[in-house]
């Protein structure tokens, strides 16, 4: 039995897109359990409309975070296979079929990683998609950590790691993935199991998103080396190059060009692929996209540098559980 779970909070603008894509699945779920975190809009009302056409059960727990909501949904699930997605996405028609087939075919498979693609509609979203989202050919299945907008696993595996970490409000799915990797066989990658979602639509929303992601990294003590390299690049290497160019030789400024080429190579490589998903854009829109890509990169970096120490301060004050101790319920 396959149970699909998700959590929602004030997703009235997005719910119908997700629910309609669930209605269209080639392999429909046997059960859908949705936990609402106390929505104040019409989210619950919209979900009620689908109770007659989908095997939907809904619970409301006001104030619960996303980890708590997922754990409650999985606890209530009758299925031994759990598929997880997020509100705000549109699932490909064969998403659930591709995502769960490896689990149905092989009892040794414990986790299946689905994939996600940007559902871009504006020039800014094109720039966002090219800048922050990998293409499928960039993925190493052995190291890929799936987002919980597109992942499936056995309920028994979820139980073994103590569920999603309820002490963590962001990056909770990464900790869940890392804990699963410590006790299960390698994840199976299902690139055809695609969830389409819209990137953030403004720099303000993007800043907030990446600030919160980095704050979650700090809370969970994730990616120390990555964050250290970022601080060193902006606050040591960049000023050092400027100092050398002013005091010794202006040719040192060429190092900025080398750094920029490396910095922007991947987004520019992705850009033609992302552009294929939208109607033809004007030259001015293409120019706008090209100008926004480096801006998005820099804004994202500074948002991370601002959020990471906030998370670390929280960590020092609250002393959260050691997520590497997989035998401990969190």
C-alpha atoms as a PDB file:
ATOM      1  CA  UNK A   1       0.000   0.000   0.000  1.00  0.00           C
ATOM      2  CA  UNK A   2       1.312   3.429  -0.961  1.00  0.00           C
ATOM      3  CA  UNK A   3       0.516   6.471   1.167  1.00  0.00           C
ATOM      4  CA  UNK A   4       1.290   9.968  -0.091  1.00  0.00           C
ATOM      5  CA  UNK A   5       1.850  12.564   2.628  1.00  0.00           C
ATOM      6  CA  UNK A   6       2.439  16.287   2.723  1.00  0.00           C
ATOM      7  CA  UNK A   7       2.087  19.248   5.057  1.00  0.00           C
ATOM      8  CA  UNK A   8       0.425  22.549   4.228  1.00  0.00           C
ATOM      9  CA  UNK A   9       0.137  26.021   5.700  1.00  0.00           C
ATOM     10  CA  UNK A  10      -1.689  28.883   3.966  1.00  0.00           C
ATOM     11  CA  UNK A  11      -1.290  27.268   0.540  1.00  0.00           C
ATOM     12  CA  UNK A  12      -4.679  28.250  -0.857  1.00  0.00           C
ATOM     13  CA  UNK A  13      -3.124  29.785  -3.964  1.00  0.00           C
ATOM     14  CA  UNK A  14      -1.262  26.574  -4.773  1.00  0.00           C
ATOM     15  CA  UNK A  15      -3.378  23.672  -3.540  1.00  0.00           C
ATOM     16  CA  UNK A  16      -5.475  23.065  -6.626  1.00  0.00           C
ATOM     17  CA  UNK A  17      -2.392  22.687  -8.822  1.00  0.00           C
ATOM     18  CA  UNK A  18      -1.017  19.969  -6.553  1.00  0.00           C
ATOM     19  CA  UNK A  19      -4.334  18.194  -6.023  1.00  0.00           C
ATOM     20  CA  UNK A  20      -5.224  18.228  -9.713  1.00  0.00           C
ATOM     21  CA  UNK A  21      -1.848  16.676 -10.510  1.00  0.00           C
ATOM     22  CA  UNK A  22      -2.560  13.969  -7.932  1.00  0.00           C
ATOM     23  CA  UNK A  23      -5.897  13.272  -9.613  1.00  0.00           C
ATOM     24  CA  UNK A  24      -4.048  12.753 -12.912  1.00  0.00           C
ATOM     25  CA  UNK A  25      -1.459  10.240 -11.672  1.00  0.00           C
ATOM     26  CA  UNK A  26      -1.025   7.109 -13.804  1.00  0.00           C
ATOM     27  CA  UNK A  27      -0.484   5.205 -10.559  1.00  0.00           C
ATOM     28  CA  UNK A  28      -2.733   6.906  -7.981  1.00  0.00           C
ATOM     29  CA  UNK A  29      -1.854   6.655  -4.289  1.00  0.00           C
ATOM     30  CA  UNK A  30      -3.870   4.233  -2.186  1.00  0.00           C
ATOM     31  CA  UNK A  31      -4.114   6.865   0.514  1.00  0.00           C
ATOM     32  CA  UNK A  32      -3.316  10.562   0.947  1.00  0.00           C
ATOM     33  CA  UNK A  33      -2.685  12.042   4.387  1.00  0.00           C
ATOM     34  CA  UNK A  34      -2.293  15.806   4.675  1.00  0.00           C
ATOM     35  CA  UNK A  35      -1.483  17.681   7.875  1.00  0.00           C
ATOM     36  CA  UNK A  36      -2.439  21.346   7.986  1.00  0.00           C
ATOM     37  CA  UNK A  37      -0.403  23.508  10.334  1.00  0.00           C
ATOM     38  CA  UNK A  38      -3.248  25.902  11.112  1.00  0.00           C
ATOM     39  CA  UNK A  39      -3.934  27.677   7.817  1.00  0.00           C
ATOM     40  CA  UNK A  40      -5.776  30.980   8.037  1.00  0.00           C
ATOM     41  CA  UNK A  41      -6.686  31.105   4.345  1.00  0.00           C
ATOM     42  CA  UNK A  42      -8.899  28.762   2.285  1.00  0.00           C
ATOM     43  CA  UNK A  43      -6.418  25.849   2.202  1.00  0.00           C
ATOM     44  CA  UNK A  44      -8.590  23.486   4.247  1.00  0.00           C
ATOM     45  CA  UNK A  45     -11.731  24.437   2.329  1.00  0.00           C
ATOM     46  CA  UNK A  46     -10.044  23.641  -0.974  1.00  0.00           C
ATOM     47  CA  UNK A  47      -8.754  20.307   0.318  1.00  0.00           C
ATOM     48  CA  UNK A  48     -12.275  19.339   1.396  1.00  0.00           C
ATOM     49  CA  UNK A  49     -13.358  19.660  -2.246  1.00  0.00           C
ATOM     50  CA  UNK A  50     -11.095  16.717  -3.131  1.00  0.00           C
ATOM     51  CA  UNK A  51     -12.280  14.298  -0.447  1.00  0.00           C
ATOM     52  CA  UNK A  52     -14.839  12.842  -2.846  1.00  0.00           C
ATOM     53  CA  UNK A  53     -12.382  12.200  -5.693  1.00  0.00           C
ATOM     54  CA  UNK A  54      -9.214  11.203  -3.822  1.00  0.00           C
ATOM     55  CA  UNK A  55      -8.577   8.830  -0.868  1.00  0.00           C
ATOM     56  CA  UNK A  56      -7.806  11.855   1.265  1.00  0.00           C
ATOM     57  CA  UNK A  57      -7.578  12.151   5.040  1.00  0.00           C
ATOM     58  CA  UNK A  58      -6.695  15.428   6.679  1.00  0.00           C
ATOM     59  CA  UNK A  59      -5.490  16.386  10.131  1.00  0.00           C
ATOM     60  CA  UNK A  60      -5.014  19.850  11.593  1.00  0.00           C
ATOM     61  CA  UNK A  61      -2.372  20.674  14.184  1.00  0.00           C
ATOM     62  CA  UNK A  62      -2.009  24.407  14.511  1.00  0.00           C
ATOM     63  CA  UNK A  63       1.538  25.606  15.013  1.00  0.00           C
ATOM     64  CA  UNK A  64       3.339  22.417  14.039  1.00  0.00           C
ATOM     65  CA  UNK A  65       6.474  22.812  11.955  1.00  0.00           C
ATOM     66  CA  UNK A  66       7.037  20.900   8.736  1.00  0.00           C
ATOM     67  CA  UNK A  67       8.927  18.050  10.428  1.00  0.00           C
ATOM     68  CA  UNK A  68       6.181  17.575  13.003  1.00  0.00           C
ATOM     69  CA  UNK A  69       3.547  17.706  10.273  1.00  0.00           C
ATOM     70  CA  UNK A  70       5.305  15.052   8.193  1.00  0.00           C
ATOM     71  CA  UNK A  71       5.800  12.799  11.206  1.00  0.00           C
ATOM     72  CA  UNK A  72       2.137  13.094  12.161  1.00  0.00           C
ATOM     73  CA  UNK A  73       1.088  12.252   8.602  1.00  0.00           C
ATOM     74  CA  UNK A  74       3.389   9.219   8.440  1.00  0.00           C
ATOM     75  CA  UNK A  75       2.233   8.016  11.856  1.00  0.00           C
ATOM     76  CA  UNK A  76      -1.345   8.131  10.589  1.00  0.00           C
ATOM     77  CA  UNK A  77      -0.466   6.384   7.308  1.00  0.00           C
ATOM     78  CA  UNK A  78      -1.600   2.819   6.709  1.00  0.00           C
ATOM     79  CA  UNK A  79       0.810   2.246   3.834  1.00  0.00           C
ATOM     80  CA  UNK A  80       4.187   0.570   4.184  1.00  0.00           C
ATOM     81  CA  UNK A  81       5.537   2.768   1.353  1.00  0.00           C
ATOM     82  CA  UNK A  82       5.518   6.523   1.963  1.00  0.00           C
ATOM     83  CA  UNK A  83       5.754   9.076  -0.860  1.00  0.00           C
ATOM     84  CA  UNK A  84       6.418  12.669   0.163  1.00  0.00           C
ATOM     85  CA  UNK A  85       5.874  15.909  -1.694  1.00  0.00           C
ATOM     86  CA  UNK A  86       5.263  19.582  -0.910  1.00  0.00           C
ATOM     87  CA  UNK A  87       2.434  21.983  -1.468  1.00  0.00           C
ATOM     88  CA  UNK A  88       3.167  24.367  -4.303  1.00  0.00           C
ATOM     89  CA  UNK A  89       4.393  21.741  -6.751  1.00  0.00           C
ATOM     90  CA  UNK A  90       2.837  20.131  -9.800  1.00  0.00           C
ATOM     91  CA  UNK A  91       3.642  16.449 -10.149  1.00  0.00           C
ATOM     92  CA  UNK A  92       4.329  14.843 -13.504  1.00  0.00           C
ATOM     93  CA  UNK A  93       1.573  12.376 -14.412  1.00  0.00           C
ATOM     94  CA  UNK A  94       3.882   9.399 -13.914  1.00  0.00           C
ATOM     95  CA  UNK A  95       5.622  10.823 -10.834  1.00  0.00           C
ATOM     96  CA  UNK A  96       4.284   8.346  -8.299  1.00  0.00           C
ATOM     97  CA  UNK A  97       4.668   5.391 -10.652  1.00  0.00           C
ATOM     98  CA  UNK A  98       8.371   6.074 -11.240  1.00  0.00           C
ATOM     99  CA  UNK A  99       8.997   7.045  -7.625  1.00  0.00           C
ATOM    100  CA  UNK A 100       7.561   3.900  -6.057  1.00  0.00           C
ATOM    101  CA  UNK A 101       8.250   1.208  -8.670  1.00  0.00           C
ATOM    102  CA  UNK A 102      11.770   0.404  -7.367  1.00  0.00           C
ATOM    103  CA  UNK A 103      10.304  -0.138  -3.884  1.00  0.00           C
ATOM    104  CA  UNK A 104       7.609  -2.412  -5.274  1.00  0.00           C
ATOM    105  CA  UNK A 105      10.054  -4.378  -7.437  1.00  0.00           C
ATOM    106  CA  UNK A 106      12.848  -4.895  -4.921  1.00  0.00           C
ATOM    107  CA  UNK A 107      12.327  -5.440  -1.176  1.00  0.00           C
ATOM    108  CA  UNK A 108      15.936  -4.420  -0.542  1.00  0.00           C
ATOM    109  CA  UNK A 109      15.356  -0.883  -1.801  1.00  0.00           C
ATOM    110  CA  UNK A 110      14.587   1.410   1.126  1.00  0.00           C
ATOM    111  CA  UNK A 111      14.677   4.923  -0.348  1.00  0.00           C
ATOM    112  CA  UNK A 112      13.998   6.318  -3.825  1.00  0.00           C
ATOM    113  CA  UNK A 113      15.124   9.815  -4.751  1.00  0.00           C
ATOM    114  CA  UNK A 114      12.864  11.634  -7.161  1.00  0.00           C
ATOM    115  CA  UNK A 115      13.824  14.782  -9.002  1.00  0.00           C
ATOM    116  CA  UNK A 116      12.505  18.320  -9.395  1.00  0.00           C
ATOM    117  CA  UNK A 117      12.447  20.903 -12.143  1.00  0.00           C
ATOM    118  CA  UNK A 118      11.767  24.608 -12.141  1.00  0.00           C
ATOM    119  CA  UNK A 119       8.347  25.605 -13.455  1.00  0.00           C
ATOM    120  CA  UNK A 120       9.503  28.993 -14.703  1.00  0.00           C
ATOM    121  CA  UNK A 121       7.125  31.632 -16.039  1.00  0.00           C
ATOM    122  CA  UNK A 122       8.897  35.007 -15.753  1.00  0.00           C
ATOM    123  CA  UNK A 123      12.371  36.221 -16.763  1.00  0.00           C
ATOM    124  CA  UNK A 124      13.366  36.456 -13.089  1.00  0.00           C
ATOM    125  CA  UNK A 125      12.270  32.850 -12.509  1.00  0.00           C
ATOM    126  CA  UNK A 126      14.315  31.784 -15.541  1.00  0.00           C
ATOM    127  CA  UNK A 127      17.379  33.413 -13.981  1.00  0.00           C
ATOM    128  CA  UNK A 128      16.557  31.746 -10.662  1.00  0.00           C
ATOM    129  CA  UNK A 129      16.112  28.324 -12.241  1.00  0.00           C
ATOM    130  CA  UNK A 130      19.421  28.545 -14.081  1.00  0.00           C
ATOM    131  CA  UNK A 131      21.271  29.814 -11.016  1.00  0.00           C
ATOM    132  CA  UNK A 132      20.094  27.634  -8.150  1.00  0.00           C
ATOM    133  CA  UNK A 133      18.710  24.373  -9.560  1.00  0.00           C
ATOM    134  CA  UNK A 134      20.844  21.532 -10.938  1.00  0.00           C
ATOM    135  CA  UNK A 135      20.006  19.712 -14.141  1.00  0.00           C
ATOM    136  CA  UNK A 136      19.524  15.970 -14.055  1.00  0.00           C
ATOM    137  CA  UNK A 137      22.851  15.295 -15.776  1.00  0.00           C
ATOM    138  CA  UNK A 138      24.620  17.109 -12.922  1.00  0.00           C
ATOM    139  CA  UNK A 139      23.327  14.623 -10.356  1.00  0.00           C
ATOM    140  CA  UNK A 140      25.521  11.923  -8.881  1.00  0.00           C
ATOM    141  CA  UNK A 141      22.971   9.311  -7.732  1.00  0.00           C
ATOM    142  CA  UNK A 142      25.368   7.987  -5.090  1.00  0.00           C
ATOM    143  CA  UNK A 143      25.641  11.308  -3.266  1.00  0.00           C
ATOM    144  CA  UNK A 144      22.348  13.007  -4.184  1.00  0.00           C
ATOM    145  CA  UNK A 145      20.244  14.066  -1.188  1.00  0.00           C
ATOM    146  CA  UNK A 146      16.622  14.281  -2.347  1.00  0.00           C
ATOM    147  CA  UNK A 147      14.335  17.106  -1.376  1.00  0.00           C
ATOM    148  CA  UNK A 148      11.185  16.004   0.410  1.00  0.00           C
ATOM    149  CA  UNK A 149       9.202  17.461  -2.436  1.00  0.00           C
ATOM    150  CA  UNK A 150      10.046  14.247  -4.329  1.00  0.00           C
ATOM    151  CA  UNK A 151      11.094  11.206  -2.297  1.00  0.00           C
ATOM    152  CA  UNK A 152       9.705   7.807  -1.272  1.00  0.00           C
ATOM    153  CA  UNK A 153      10.796   5.392   1.436  1.00  0.00           C
ATOM    154  CA  UNK A 154       9.615   2.469   3.502  1.00  0.00           C
ATOM    155  CA  UNK A 155       7.804   3.382   6.686  1.00  0.00           C
ATOM    156  CA  UNK A 156      10.112   1.009   8.542  1.00  0.00           C
ATOM    157  CA  UNK A 157      13.148   3.088   7.472  1.00  0.00           C
ATOM    158  CA  UNK A 158      11.460   6.238   8.757  1.00  0.00           C
ATOM    159  CA  UNK A 159      10.876   4.501  12.089  1.00  0.00           C
ATOM    160  CA  UNK A 160      14.506   3.379  12.373  1.00  0.00           C
ATOM    161  CA  UNK A 161      15.858   6.922  12.179  1.00  0.00           C
ATOM    162  CA  UNK A 162      13.225   8.410  14.474  1.00  0.00           C
ATOM    163  CA  UNK A 163      11.401  10.318  11.763  1.00  0.00           C
ATOM    164  CA  UNK A 164      12.032  13.867  10.633  1.00  0.00           C
ATOM    165  CA  UNK A 165      13.902  15.977  13.229  1.00  0.00           C
ATOM    166  CA  UNK A 166      11.211  18.064  14.896  1.00  0.00           C
ATOM    167  CA  UNK A 167      13.747  20.360  16.565  1.00  0.00           C
ATOM    168  CA  UNK A 168      14.752  21.658  13.127  1.00  0.00           C
ATOM    169  CA  UNK A 169      12.596  24.008  11.066  1.00  0.00           C
ATOM    170  CA  UNK A 170      14.699  24.206   7.866  1.00  0.00           C
ATOM    171  CA  UNK A 171      17.066  21.671   6.234  1.00  0.00           C
ATOM    172  CA  UNK A 172      15.099  19.009   8.070  1.00  0.00           C
ATOM    173  CA  UNK A 173      14.872  16.863   4.950  1.00  0.00           C
ATOM    174  CA  UNK A 174      18.668  16.893   4.525  1.00  0.00           C
ATOM    175  CA  UNK A 175      19.163  15.626   8.081  1.00  0.00           C
ATOM    176  CA  UNK A 176      16.514  12.975   7.437  1.00  0.00           C
ATOM    177  CA  UNK A 177      18.322  11.941   4.236  1.00  0.00           C
ATOM    178  CA  UNK A 178      21.713  11.798   5.951  1.00  0.00           C
ATOM    179  CA  UNK A 179      20.348   9.674   8.764  1.00  0.00           C
ATOM    180  CA  UNK A 180      18.720   7.303   6.276  1.00  0.00           C
ATOM    181  CA  UNK A 181      22.018   6.975   4.405  1.00  0.00           C
ATOM    182  CA  UNK A 182      23.676   5.842   7.640  1.00  0.00           C
ATOM    183  CA  UNK A 183      21.388   2.816   8.053  1.00  0.00           C
ATOM    184  CA  UNK A 184      20.055   1.865   4.609  1.00  0.00           C
ATOM    185  CA  UNK A 185      21.468   0.615   1.301  1.00  0.00           C
ATOM    186  CA  UNK A 186      22.289   3.325  -1.282  1.00  0.00           C
ATOM    187  CA  UNK A 187      19.299   5.336  -2.416  1.00  0.00           C
ATOM    188  CA  UNK A 188      17.809   4.492  -5.793  1.00  0.00           C
ATOM    189  CA  UNK A 189      17.592   7.467  -8.146  1.00  0.00           C
ATOM    190  CA  UNK A 190      14.423   7.867 -10.229  1.00  0.00           C
ATOM    191  CA  UNK A 191      15.058  10.904 -12.455  1.00  0.00           C
ATOM    192  CA  UNK A 192      11.714  10.470 -14.237  1.00  0.00           C
ATOM    193  CA  UNK A 193       9.831  11.099 -10.973  1.00  0.00           C
ATOM    194  CA  UNK A 194       9.641  14.848 -11.492  1.00  0.00           C
ATOM    195  CA  UNK A 195       7.991  17.456  -9.301  1.00  0.00           C
ATOM    196  CA  UNK A 196       7.656  20.853 -10.984  1.00  0.00           C
ATOM    197  CA  UNK A 197       7.783  23.929  -8.772  1.00  0.00           C
ATOM    198  CA  UNK A 198       8.106  27.673  -9.219  1.00  0.00           C
ATOM    199  CA  UNK A 199      11.300  29.301  -7.926  1.00  0.00           C
ATOM    200  CA  UNK A 200      11.053  32.367  -5.714  1.00  0.00           C
ATOM    201  CA  UNK A 201       9.695  35.318  -7.679  1.00  0.00           C
ATOM    202  CA  UNK A 202      11.726  38.174  -6.183  1.00  0.00           C
ATOM    203  CA  UNK A 203      15.118  38.893  -4.664  1.00  0.00           C
ATOM    204  CA  UNK A 204      13.450  39.617  -1.323  1.00  0.00           C
ATOM    205  CA  UNK A 205      11.782  36.194  -1.247  1.00  0.00           C
ATOM    206  CA  UNK A 206      15.003  34.551  -2.425  1.00  0.00           C
ATOM    207  CA  UNK A 207      17.029  36.255   0.323  1.00  0.00           C
ATOM    208  CA  UNK A 208      14.600  35.026   2.961  1.00  0.00           C
ATOM    209  CA  UNK A 209      14.661  31.477   1.557  1.00  0.00           C
ATOM    210  CA  UNK A 210      18.455  31.209   1.546  1.00  0.00           C
ATOM    211  CA  UNK A 211      18.821  32.970   4.899  1.00  0.00           C
ATOM    212  CA  UNK A 212      16.521  30.352   6.450  1.00  0.00           C
ATOM    213  CA  UNK A 213      18.293  27.494   4.665  1.00  0.00           C
ATOM    214  CA  UNK A 214      21.657  28.679   6.008  1.00  0.00           C
ATOM    215  CA  UNK A 215      20.199  29.209   9.459  1.00  0.00           C
ATOM    216  CA  UNK A 216      19.094  25.586   9.314  1.00  0.00           C
ATOM    217  CA  UNK A 217      22.626  24.584   8.292  1.00  0.00           C
ATOM    218  CA  UNK A 218      23.940  26.356  11.373  1.00  0.00           C
ATOM    219  CA  UNK A 219      21.386  24.763  13.673  1.00  0.00           C
ATOM    220  CA  UNK A 220      22.237  21.292  12.338  1.00  0.00           C
ATOM    221  CA  UNK A 221      26.001  21.915  11.993  1.00  0.00           C
ATOM    222  CA  UNK A 222      25.924  21.166   8.267  1.00  0.00           C
ATOM    223  CA  UNK A 223      28.471  22.030   5.582  1.00  0.00           C
ATOM    224  CA  UNK A 224      31.085  23.800   7.727  1.00  0.00           C
ATOM    225  CA  UNK A 225      33.653  23.657   4.927  1.00  0.00           C
ATOM    226  CA  UNK A 226      31.302  25.121   2.304  1.00  0.00           C
ATOM    227  CA  UNK A 227      30.375  28.035   4.516  1.00  0.00           C
ATOM    228  CA  UNK A 228      34.015  28.635   5.516  1.00  0.00           C
ATOM    229  CA  UNK A 229      35.026  28.801   1.835  1.00  0.00           C
ATOM    230  CA  UNK A 230      32.285  31.339   1.182  1.00  0.00           C
ATOM    231  CA  UNK A 231      33.422  33.622   4.016  1.00  0.00           C
ATOM    232  CA  UNK A 232      37.057  33.263   2.934  1.00  0.00           C
ATOM    233  CA  UNK A 233      36.213  34.133  -0.685  1.00  0.00           C
ATOM    234  CA  UNK A 234      34.325  37.327   0.096  1.00  0.00           C
ATOM    235  CA  UNK A 235      36.240  38.593   3.116  1.00  0.00           C
ATOM    236  CA  UNK A 236      39.797  37.397   2.455  1.00  0.00           C
ATOM    237  CA  UNK A 237      40.431  36.514  -1.206  1.00  0.00           C
ATOM    238  CA  UNK A 238      38.418  39.327  -2.828  1.00  0.00           C
ATOM    239  CA  UNK A 239      39.937  42.137  -0.701  1.00  0.00           C
ATOM    240  CA  UNK A 240      43.399  40.584  -1.079  1.00  0.00           C
ATOM    241  CA  UNK A 241      43.159  40.663  -4.884  1.00  0.00           C
ATOM    242  CA  UNK A 242      42.069  44.303  -4.760  1.00  0.00           C
ATOM    243  CA  UNK A 243      44.961  45.150  -2.470  1.00  0.00           C
ATOM    244  CA  UNK A 244      47.496  43.411  -4.695  1.00  0.00           C
ATOM    245  CA  UNK A 245      46.152  45.122  -7.804  1.00  0.00           C
ATOM    246  CA  UNK A 246      46.362  48.580  -6.208  1.00  0.00           C
ATOM    247  CA  UNK A 247      49.732  48.105  -4.531  1.00  0.00           C
ATOM    248  CA  UNK A 248      51.613  45.907  -7.004  1.00  0.00           C
ATOM    249  CA  UNK A 249      50.070  45.475 -10.443  1.00  0.00           C
ATOM    250  CA  UNK A 250      46.644  46.047 -12.009  1.00  0.00           C
ATOM    251  CA  UNK A 251      47.008  42.725 -13.806  1.00  0.00           C
ATOM    252  CA  UNK A 252      45.878  41.098 -10.574  1.00  0.00           C
ATOM    253  CA  UNK A 253      42.384  42.351 -11.444  1.00  0.00           C
ATOM    254  CA  UNK A 254      42.255  39.577 -14.046  1.00  0.00           C
ATOM    255  CA  UNK A 255      41.825  37.178 -11.145  1.00  0.00           C
ATOM    256  CA  UNK A 256      38.358  38.678 -10.687  1.00  0.00           C
ATOM    257  CA  UNK A 257      37.528  37.686 -14.280  1.00  0.00           C
ATOM    258  CA  UNK A 258      38.775  34.158 -13.688  1.00  0.00           C
ATOM    259  CA  UNK A 259      36.698  33.930 -10.532  1.00  0.00           C
ATOM    260  CA  UNK A 260      33.614  35.334 -12.271  1.00  0.00           C
ATOM    261  CA  UNK A 261      33.965  32.838 -15.130  1.00  0.00           C
ATOM    262  CA  UNK A 262      34.103  29.947 -12.671  1.00  0.00           C
ATOM    263  CA  UNK A 263      31.272  31.452 -10.606  1.00  0.00           C
ATOM    264  CA  UNK A 264      28.890  31.839 -13.542  1.00  0.00           C
ATOM    265  CA  UNK A 265      29.843  28.858 -15.696  1.00  0.00           C
ATOM    266  CA  UNK A 266      27.226  26.455 -14.344  1.00  0.00           C
ATOM    267  CA  UNK A 267      24.252  28.874 -14.447  1.00  0.00           C
ATOM    268  CA  UNK A 268      25.090  29.934 -18.000  1.00  0.00           C
ATOM    269  CA  UNK A 269      25.431  26.307 -19.033  1.00  0.00           C
ATOM    270  CA  UNK A 270      21.963  25.563 -17.638  1.00  0.00           C
ATOM    271  CA  UNK A 271      20.325  28.657 -19.097  1.00  0.00           C
ATOM    272  CA  UNK A 272      19.536  27.290 -22.624  1.00  0.00           C
ATOM    273  CA  UNK A 273      17.838  24.262 -21.072  1.00  0.00           C
ATOM    274  CA  UNK A 274      15.713  26.414 -18.758  1.00  0.00           C
ATOM    275  CA  UNK A 275      14.774  28.761 -21.606  1.00  0.00           C
ATOM    276  CA  UNK A 276      13.340  25.860 -23.605  1.00  0.00           C
ATOM    277  CA  UNK A 277      10.575  25.547 -21.031  1.00  0.00           C
ATOM    278  CA  UNK A 278       9.184  29.050 -21.641  1.00  0.00           C
ATOM    279  CA  UNK A 279       7.796  30.936 -24.643  1.00  0.00           C
ATOM    280  CA  UNK A 280      10.318  32.833 -26.708  1.00  0.00           C
ATOM    281  CA  UNK A 281      11.561  35.911 -24.890  1.00  0.00           C
ATOM    282  CA  UNK A 282      12.742  39.244 -26.235  1.00  0.00           C
ATOM    283  CA  UNK A 283      16.348  40.382 -26.400  1.00  0.00           C
ATOM    284  CA  UNK A 284      15.745  42.745 -23.497  1.00  0.00           C
ATOM    285  CA  UNK A 285      14.388  39.885 -21.424  1.00  0.00           C
ATOM    286  CA  UNK A 286      17.452  37.795 -22.288  1.00  0.00           C
ATOM    287  CA  UNK A 287      19.685  40.696 -21.244  1.00  0.00           C
ATOM    288  CA  UNK A 288      17.754  41.065 -17.995  1.00  0.00           C
ATOM    289  CA  UNK A 289      18.228  37.338 -17.282  1.00  0.00           C
ATOM    290  CA  UNK A 290      21.967  37.557 -17.928  1.00  0.00           C
ATOM    291  CA  UNK A 291      22.245  40.555 -15.590  1.00  0.00           C
ATOM    292  CA  UNK A 292      20.198  38.877 -12.862  1.00  0.00           C
ATOM    293  CA  UNK A 293      22.225  35.660 -12.726  1.00  0.00           C
ATOM    294  CA  UNK A 294      25.320  37.185 -11.034  1.00  0.00           C
ATOM    295  CA  UNK A 295      23.078  39.304  -8.792  1.00  0.00           C
ATOM    296  CA  UNK A 296      21.179  36.209  -7.656  1.00  0.00           C
ATOM    297  CA  UNK A 297      24.456  34.411  -6.961  1.00  0.00           C
ATOM    298  CA  UNK A 298      25.762  37.242  -4.802  1.00  0.00           C
ATOM    299  CA  UNK A 299      22.465  37.798  -2.980  1.00  0.00           C
ATOM    300  CA  UNK A 300      22.251  34.086  -2.235  1.00  0.00           C
ATOM    301  CA  UNK A 301      25.796  34.024  -0.883  1.00  0.00           C
ATOM    302  CA  UNK A 302      25.251  36.999   1.426  1.00  0.00           C
ATOM    303  CA  UNK A 303      21.931  35.553   2.612  1.00  0.00           C
ATOM    304  CA  UNK A 304      23.763  32.355   3.538  1.00  0.00           C
ATOM    305  CA  UNK A 305      26.557  34.259   5.269  1.00  0.00           C
ATOM    306  CA  UNK A 306      23.947  36.167   7.280  1.00  0.00           C
ATOM    307  CA  UNK A 307      21.870  33.121   8.200  1.00  0.00           C
ATOM    308  CA  UNK A 308      24.587  30.632   9.127  1.00  0.00           C
ATOM    309  CA  UNK A 309      25.866  32.370  12.291  1.00  0.00           C
ATOM    310  CA  UNK A 310      22.275  32.931  13.448  1.00  0.00           C
ATOM    311  CA  UNK A 311      21.757  29.183  13.276  1.00  0.00           C
ATOM    312  CA  UNK A 312      25.004  28.516  15.105  1.00  0.00           C
ATOM    313  CA  UNK A 313      24.032  30.914  17.893  1.00  0.00           C
ATOM    314  CA  UNK A 314      20.752  29.019  18.264  1.00  0.00           C
ATOM    315  CA  UNK A 315      22.697  25.752  18.326  1.00  0.00           C
ATOM    316  CA  UNK A 316      24.998  26.930  21.124  1.00  0.00           C
ATOM    317  CA  UNK A 317      22.050  28.203  23.157  1.00  0.00           C
ATOM    318  CA  UNK A 318      19.729  25.207  22.690  1.00  0.00           C
ATOM    319  CA  UNK A 319      22.132  22.245  22.373  1.00  0.00           C
ATOM    320  CA  UNK A 320      19.981  20.161  19.979  1.00  0.00           C
ATOM    321  CA  UNK A 321      20.240  16.348  19.711  1.00  0.00           C
ATOM    322  CA  UNK A 322      23.122  14.729  17.885  1.00  0.00           C
ATOM    323  CA  UNK A 323      21.472  13.817  14.585  1.00  0.00           C
ATOM    324  CA  UNK A 324      24.300  11.384  13.806  1.00  0.00           C
ATOM    325  CA  UNK A 325      23.117   9.140  16.642  1.00  0.00           C
ATOM    326  CA  UNK A 326      20.636   7.170  14.543  1.00  0.00           C
ATOM    327  CA  UNK A 327      19.486   5.004  17.415  1.00  0.00           C
ATOM    328  CA  UNK A 328      18.193   8.050  19.282  1.00  0.00           C
ATOM    329  CA  UNK A 329      14.615   9.176  18.717  1.00  0.00           C
ATOM    330  CA  UNK A 330      14.495  12.877  18.039  1.00  0.00           C
END
